[in-house]
PDB file of N, CA and C in Angstrom:
ATOM      1  N   MET A   1      45.555 -46.382 -22.908  1.00  0.00           N
ATOM      2  CA  MET A   1      44.315 -46.516 -22.179  1.00  0.00           C
ATOM      3  C   MET A   1      44.152 -45.313 -21.268  1.00  0.00           C
ATOM      4  N   GLU A   2      42.966 -44.802 -21.201  1.00  0.00           N
ATOM      5  CA  GLU A   2      42.678 -43.682 -20.321  1.00  0.00           C
ATOM      6  C   GLU A   2      42.126 -44.201 -18.998  1.00  0.00           C
ATOM      7  N   MET A   3      42.183 -43.351 -17.977  1.00  0.00           N
ATOM      8  CA  MET A   3      41.718 -43.751 -16.646  1.00  0.00           C
ATOM      9  C   MET A   3      40.237 -44.133 -16.645  1.00  0.00           C
ATOM     10  N   LYS A   4      39.424 -43.456 -17.435  1.00  0.00           N
ATOM     11  CA  LYS A   4      37.990 -43.790 -17.503  1.00  0.00           C
ATOM     12  C   LYS A   4      37.799 -45.232 -17.953  1.00  0.00           C
ATOM     13  N   GLU A   5      38.565 -45.641 -18.958  1.00  0.00           N
ATOM     14  CA  GLU A   5      38.457 -47.007 -19.469  1.00  0.00           C
ATOM     15  C   GLU A   5      38.970 -48.013 -18.439  1.00  0.00           C
ATOM     16  N   LEU A   6      40.086 -47.694 -17.804  1.00  0.00           N
ATOM     17  CA  LEU A   6      40.615 -48.574 -16.768  1.00  0.00           C
ATOM     18  C   LEU A   6      39.604 -48.723 -15.633  1.00  0.00           C
ATOM     19  N   GLY A   7      39.009 -47.615 -15.222  1.00  0.00           N
ATOM     20  CA  GLY A   7      37.998 -47.663 -14.172  1.00  0.00           C
ATOM     21  C   GLY A   7      36.809 -48.524 -14.547  1.00  0.00           C
ATOM     22  N   ARG A   8      36.370 -48.400 -15.791  1.00  0.00           N
ATOM     23  CA  ARG A   8      35.250 -49.204 -16.276  1.00  0.00           C
ATOM     24  C   ARG A   8      35.596 -50.689 -16.258  1.00  0.00           C
ATOM     25  N   LEU A   9      36.803 -51.025 -16.684  1.00  0.00           N
ATOM     26  CA  LEU A   9      37.234 -52.428 -16.686  1.00  0.00           C
ATOM     27  C   LEU A   9      37.325 -52.989 -15.267  1.00  0.00           C
ATOM     28  N   ILE A  10      37.836 -52.192 -14.348  1.00  0.00           N
ATOM     29  CA  ILE A  10      37.937 -52.628 -12.951  1.00  0.00           C
ATOM     30  C   ILE A  10      36.550 -52.854 -12.362  1.00  0.00           C
ATOM     31  N   LYS A  11      35.645 -51.933 -12.616  1.00  0.00           N
ATOM     32  CA  LYS A  11      34.274 -52.065 -12.102  1.00  0.00           C
ATOM     33  C   LYS A  11      33.604 -53.314 -12.669  1.00  0.00           C
ATOM     34  N   GLU A  12      33.782 -53.537 -13.964  1.00  0.00           N
ATOM     35  CA  GLU A  12      33.192 -54.708 -14.617  1.00  0.00           C
ATOM     36  C   GLU A  12      33.734 -56.007 -14.010  1.00  0.00           C
ATOM     37  N   ARG A  13      35.040 -56.057 -13.809  1.00  0.00           N
ATOM     38  CA  ARG A  13      35.669 -57.255 -13.238  1.00  0.00           C
ATOM     39  C   ARG A  13      35.183 -57.480 -11.800  1.00  0.00           C
ATOM     40  N   ARG A  14      35.116 -56.403 -11.023  1.00  0.00           N
ATOM     41  CA  ARG A  14      34.655 -56.506  -9.639  1.00  0.00           C
ATOM     42  C   ARG A  14      33.251 -57.088  -9.590  1.00  0.00           C
ATOM     43  N   LYS A  15      32.386 -56.564 -10.442  1.00  0.00           N
ATOM     44  CA  LYS A  15      31.003 -57.039 -10.467  1.00  0.00           C
ATOM     45  C   LYS A  15      30.923 -58.491 -10.929  1.00  0.00           C
ATOM     46  N   ASN A  16      31.717 -58.850 -11.925  1.00  0.00           N
ATOM     47  CA  ASN A  16      31.733 -60.238 -12.397  1.00  0.00           C
ATOM     48  C   ASN A  16      32.170 -61.207 -11.304  1.00  0.00           C
ATOM     49  N   LEU A  17      33.038 -60.738 -10.410  1.00  0.00           N
ATOM     50  CA  LEU A  17      33.494 -61.568  -9.295  1.00  0.00           C
ATOM     51  C   LEU A  17      32.529 -61.517  -8.111  1.00  0.00           C
ATOM     52  N   GLY A  18      31.508 -60.682  -8.215  1.00  0.00           N
ATOM     53  CA  GLY A  18      30.519 -60.581  -7.148  1.00  0.00           C
ATOM     54  C   GLY A  18      31.018 -59.845  -5.913  1.00  0.00           C
ATOM     55  N   LEU A  19      31.961 -58.934  -6.104  1.00  0.00           N
ATOM     56  CA  LEU A  19      32.529 -58.188  -4.987  1.00  0.00           C
ATOM     57  C   LEU A  19      31.858 -56.822  -4.861  1.00  0.00           C
ATOM     58  N   THR A  20      31.632 -56.383  -3.646  1.00  0.00           N
ATOM     59  CA  THR A  20      31.177 -55.014  -3.419  1.00  0.00           C
ATOM     60  C   THR A  20      32.394 -54.099  -3.441  1.00  0.00           C
ATOM     61  N   GLN A  21      32.138 -52.812  -3.587  1.00  0.00           N
ATOM     62  CA  GLN A  21      33.243 -51.853  -3.522  1.00  0.00           C
ATOM     63  C   GLN A  21      33.915 -51.907  -2.159  1.00  0.00           C
ATOM     64  N   ALA A  22      33.127 -52.050  -1.112  1.00  0.00           N
ATOM     65  CA  ALA A  22      33.676 -52.100   0.246  1.00  0.00           C
ATOM     66  C   ALA A  22      34.554 -53.338   0.437  1.00  0.00           C
ATOM     67  N   TYR A  23      34.120 -54.463  -0.092  1.00  0.00           N
ATOM     68  CA  TYR A  23      34.904 -55.694   0.068  1.00  0.00           C
ATOM     69  C   TYR A  23      36.197 -55.615  -0.737  1.00  0.00           C
ATOM     70  N   LEU A  24      36.119 -55.075  -1.951  1.00  0.00           N
ATOM     71  CA  LEU A  24      37.334 -54.896  -2.758  1.00  0.00           C
ATOM     72  C   LEU A  24      38.300 -53.950  -2.059  1.00  0.00           C
ATOM     73  N   ALA A  25      37.782 -52.903  -1.458  1.00  0.00           N
ATOM     74  CA  ALA A  25      38.631 -51.969  -0.717  1.00  0.00           C
ATOM     75  C   ALA A  25      39.342 -52.692   0.423  1.00  0.00           C
ATOM     76  N   ALA A  26      38.621 -53.528   1.142  1.00  0.00           N
ATOM     77  CA  ALA A  26      39.223 -54.271   2.260  1.00  0.00           C
ATOM     78  C   ALA A  26      40.277 -55.243   1.756  1.00  0.00           C
ATOM     79  N   LEU A  27      39.970 -55.968   0.702  1.00  0.00           N
ATOM     80  CA  LEU A  27      40.915 -56.954   0.161  1.00  0.00           C
ATOM     81  C   LEU A  27      42.184 -56.309  -0.373  1.00  0.00           C
ATOM     82  N   SER A  28      42.064 -55.116  -0.937  1.00  0.00           N
ATOM     83  CA  SER A  28      43.214 -54.446  -1.543  1.00  0.00           C
ATOM     84  C   SER A  28      43.876 -53.449  -0.597  1.00  0.00           C
ATOM     85  N   ASN A  29      43.407 -53.420   0.648  1.00  0.00           N
ATOM     86  CA  ASN A  29      43.979 -52.539   1.670  1.00  0.00           C
ATOM     87  C   ASN A  29      43.932 -51.073   1.247  1.00  0.00           C
ATOM     88  N   THR A  30      42.806 -50.706   0.644  1.00  0.00           N
ATOM     89  CA  THR A  30      42.564 -49.322   0.267  1.00  0.00           C
ATOM     90  C   THR A  30      41.264 -48.886   0.935  1.00  0.00           C
ATOM     91  N   GLY A  31      40.797 -47.713   0.638  1.00  0.00           N
ATOM     92  CA  GLY A  31      39.530 -47.240   1.183  1.00  0.00           C
ATOM     93  C   GLY A  31      38.434 -47.305   0.132  1.00  0.00           C
ATOM     94  N   ILE A  32      37.187 -47.318   0.588  1.00  0.00           N
ATOM     95  CA  ILE A  32      36.071 -47.372  -0.353  1.00  0.00           C
ATOM     96  C   ILE A  32      36.052 -46.133  -1.247  1.00  0.00           C
ATOM     97  N   ARG A  33      36.408 -44.985  -0.688  1.00  0.00           N
ATOM     98  CA  ARG A  33      36.452 -43.759  -1.506  1.00  0.00           C
ATOM     99  C   ARG A  33      37.444 -43.923  -2.658  1.00  0.00           C
ATOM    100  N   PHE A  34      38.581 -44.569  -2.393  1.00  0.00           N
ATOM    101  CA  PHE A  34      39.568 -44.806  -3.444  1.00  0.00           C
ATOM    102  C   PHE A  34      38.966 -45.668  -4.550  1.00  0.00           C
ATOM    103  N   ILE A  35      38.267 -46.730  -4.181  1.00  0.00           N
ATOM    104  CA  ILE A  35      37.661 -47.628  -5.174  1.00  0.00           C
ATOM    105  C   ILE A  35      36.626 -46.868  -5.999  1.00  0.00           C
ATOM    106  N   ILE A  36      35.816 -46.067  -5.343  1.00  0.00           N
ATOM    107  CA  ILE A  36      34.806 -45.279  -6.050  1.00  0.00           C
ATOM    108  C   ILE A  36      35.469 -44.336  -7.058  1.00  0.00           C
ATOM    109  N   GLU A  37      36.511 -43.646  -6.630  1.00  0.00           N
ATOM    110  CA  GLU A  37      37.210 -42.718  -7.525  1.00  0.00           C
ATOM    111  C   GLU A  37      37.926 -43.461  -8.646  1.00  0.00           C
ATOM    112  N   LEU A  38      38.502 -44.599  -8.337  1.00  0.00           N
ATOM    113  CA  LEU A  38      39.186 -45.405  -9.355  1.00  0.00           C
ATOM    114  C   LEU A  38      38.195 -45.857 -10.419  1.00  0.00           C
ATOM    115  N   GLU A  39      37.056 -46.381 -10.000  1.00  0.00           N
ATOM    116  CA  GLU A  39      36.053 -46.841 -10.951  1.00  0.00           C
ATOM    117  C   GLU A  39      35.452 -45.688 -11.758  1.00  0.00           C
ATOM    118  N   ALA A  40      35.478 -44.486 -11.194  1.00  0.00           N
ATOM    119  CA  ALA A  40      34.984 -43.306 -11.906  1.00  0.00           C
ATOM    120  C   ALA A  40      36.016 -42.760 -12.886  1.00  0.00           C
ATOM    121  N   GLY A  41      37.241 -43.273 -12.828  1.00  0.00           N
ATOM    122  CA  GLY A  41      38.280 -42.835 -13.750  1.00  0.00           C
ATOM    123  C   GLY A  41      39.032 -41.605 -13.320  1.00  0.00           C
ATOM    124  N   LYS A  42      39.046 -41.321 -12.009  1.00  0.00           N
ATOM    125  CA  LYS A  42      39.775 -40.150 -11.520  1.00  0.00           C
ATOM    126  C   LYS A  42      41.251 -40.266 -11.917  1.00  0.00           C
ATOM    127  N   PRO A  43      41.779 -39.258 -12.582  1.00  0.00           N
ATOM    128  CA  PRO A  43      43.140 -39.355 -13.122  1.00  0.00           C
ATOM    129  C   PRO A  43      44.259 -39.205 -12.090  1.00  0.00           C
ATOM    130  N   THR A  44      43.948 -38.854 -10.855  1.00  0.00           N
ATOM    131  CA  THR A  44      45.008 -38.607  -9.882  1.00  0.00           C
ATOM    132  C   THR A  44      45.122 -39.701  -8.814  1.00  0.00           C
ATOM    133  N   VAL A  45      44.618 -40.883  -9.092  1.00  0.00           N
ATOM    134  CA  VAL A  45      44.728 -41.968  -8.110  1.00  0.00           C
ATOM    135  C   VAL A  45      46.182 -42.414  -7.976  1.00  0.00           C
ATOM    136  N   GLN A  46      46.514 -43.004  -6.845  1.00  0.00           N
ATOM    137  CA  GLN A  46      47.880 -43.460  -6.581  1.00  0.00           C
ATOM    138  C   GLN A  46      48.138 -44.785  -7.287  1.00  0.00           C
ATOM    139  N   VAL A  47      49.188 -44.831  -8.085  1.00  0.00           N
ATOM    140  CA  VAL A  47      49.490 -46.003  -8.903  1.00  0.00           C
ATOM    141  C   VAL A  47      49.707 -47.248  -8.052  1.00  0.00           C
ATOM    142  N   ASN A  48      50.386 -47.122  -6.928  1.00  0.00           N
ATOM    143  CA  ASN A  48      50.637 -48.307  -6.111  1.00  0.00           C
ATOM    144  C   ASN A  48      49.328 -48.920  -5.617  1.00  0.00           C
ATOM    145  N   LYS A  49      48.346 -48.081  -5.304  1.00  0.00           N
ATOM    146  CA  LYS A  49      47.045 -48.592  -4.872  1.00  0.00           C
ATOM    147  C   LYS A  49      46.301 -49.230  -6.044  1.00  0.00           C
ATOM    148  N   VAL A  50      46.426 -48.633  -7.222  1.00  0.00           N
ATOM    149  CA  VAL A  50      45.804 -49.216  -8.413  1.00  0.00           C
ATOM    150  C   VAL A  50      46.364 -50.619  -8.639  1.00  0.00           C
ATOM    151  N   LEU A  51      47.663 -50.768  -8.518  1.00  0.00           N
ATOM    152  CA  LEU A  51      48.287 -52.077  -8.709  1.00  0.00           C
ATOM    153  C   LEU A  51      47.807 -53.079  -7.665  1.00  0.00           C
ATOM    154  N   ASP A  52      47.585 -52.635  -6.430  1.00  0.00           N
ATOM    155  CA  ASP A  52      47.044 -53.518  -5.389  1.00  0.00           C
ATOM    156  C   ASP A  52      45.652 -54.011  -5.772  1.00  0.00           C
ATOM    157  N   VAL A  53      44.821 -53.105  -6.270  1.00  0.00           N
ATOM    158  CA  VAL A  53      43.462 -53.473  -6.685  1.00  0.00           C
ATOM    159  C   VAL A  53      43.514 -54.457  -7.850  1.00  0.00           C
ATOM    160  N   LEU A  54      44.343 -54.173  -8.844  1.00  0.00           N
ATOM    161  CA  LEU A  54      44.468 -55.069  -9.992  1.00  0.00           C
ATOM    162  C   LEU A  54      44.913 -56.457  -9.551  1.00  0.00           C
ATOM    163  N   ASN A  55      45.818 -56.510  -8.597  1.00  0.00           N
ATOM    164  CA  ASN A  55      46.299 -57.787  -8.093  1.00  0.00           C
ATOM    165  C   ASN A  55      45.167 -58.593  -7.456  1.00  0.00           C
ATOM    166  N   VAL A  56      44.352 -57.943  -6.645  1.00  0.00           N
ATOM    167  CA  VAL A  56      43.216 -58.620  -6.002  1.00  0.00           C
ATOM    168  C   VAL A  56      42.248 -59.157  -7.057  1.00  0.00           C
ATOM    169  N   LEU A  57      42.052 -58.399  -8.123  1.00  0.00           N
ATOM    170  CA  LEU A  57      41.129 -58.806  -9.183  1.00  0.00           C
ATOM    171  C   LEU A  57      41.762 -59.767 -10.181  1.00  0.00           C
ATOM    172  N   ASN A  58      42.997 -60.158  -9.924  1.00  0.00           N
ATOM    173  CA  ASN A  58      43.748 -61.063 -10.792  1.00  0.00           C
ATOM    174  C   ASN A  58      43.858 -60.500 -12.219  1.00  0.00           C
ATOM    175  N   LEU A  59      44.151 -59.199 -12.296  1.00  0.00           N
ATOM    176  CA  LEU A  59      44.385 -58.524 -13.566  1.00  0.00           C
ATOM    177  C   LEU A  59      45.840 -58.094 -13.615  1.00  0.00           C
ATOM    178  N   LYS A  60      46.409 -58.023 -14.799  1.00  0.00           N
ATOM    179  CA  LYS A  60      47.798 -57.592 -14.906  1.00  0.00           C
ATOM    180  C   LYS A  60      47.921 -56.423 -15.865  1.00  0.00           C
ATOM    181  N   VAL A  61      48.980 -55.688 -15.679  1.00  0.00           N
ATOM    182  CA  VAL A  61      49.289 -54.549 -16.541  1.00  0.00           C
ATOM    183  C   VAL A  61      50.381 -54.982 -17.490  1.00  0.00           C
ATOM    184  N   GLU A  62      50.199 -54.651 -18.748  1.00  0.00           N
ATOM    185  CA  GLU A  62      51.219 -54.957 -19.745  1.00  0.00           C
ATOM    186  C   GLU A  62      51.630 -53.647 -20.395  1.00  0.00           C
ATOM    187  N   ILE A  63      52.925 -53.418 -20.448  1.00  0.00           N
ATOM    188  CA  ILE A  63      53.444 -52.183 -21.036  1.00  0.00           C
ATOM    189  C   ILE A  63      54.131 -52.545 -22.348  1.00  0.00           C
ATOM    190  N   LYS A  64      53.716 -51.845 -23.391  1.00  0.00           N
ATOM    191  CA  LYS A  64      54.308 -52.068 -24.714  1.00  0.00           C
ATOM    192  C   LYS A  64      54.821 -50.751 -25.247  1.00  0.00           C
ATOM    193  N   VAL A  65      55.869 -50.817 -26.015  1.00  0.00           N
ATOM    194  CA  VAL A  65      56.418 -49.636 -26.671  1.00  0.00           C
ATOM    195  C   VAL A  65      55.696 -49.466 -27.997  1.00  0.00           C
ATOM    196  N   ASN A  66      55.162 -48.267 -28.200  1.00  0.00           N
ATOM    197  CA  ASN A  66      54.534 -47.951 -29.493  1.00  0.00           C
ATOM    198  C   ASN A  66      55.615 -47.503 -30.441  1.00  0.00           C
ATOM    199  N   GLU A  67      55.758 -48.220 -31.513  1.00  0.00           N
ATOM    200  CA  GLU A  67      56.791 -47.879 -32.505  1.00  0.00           C
ATOM    201  C   GLU A  67      56.184 -47.353 -33.756  1.00  0.00           C
TER     202      GLU A  67
END
């Protein structure tokens, strides 16, 4: 998955939950600029913050080995 796709999925989930970017930022203890960049697919976002956002949105990351 690329960051653009992850950002799109996060934005879609946020909107489905009726959350603003500012409210999601507050809930995930990040800044609104971070949420904006994350949803835009910026490739240099901090992974720990991404995981905090995913947790608030009740999303999980699954890692699989490609064989």
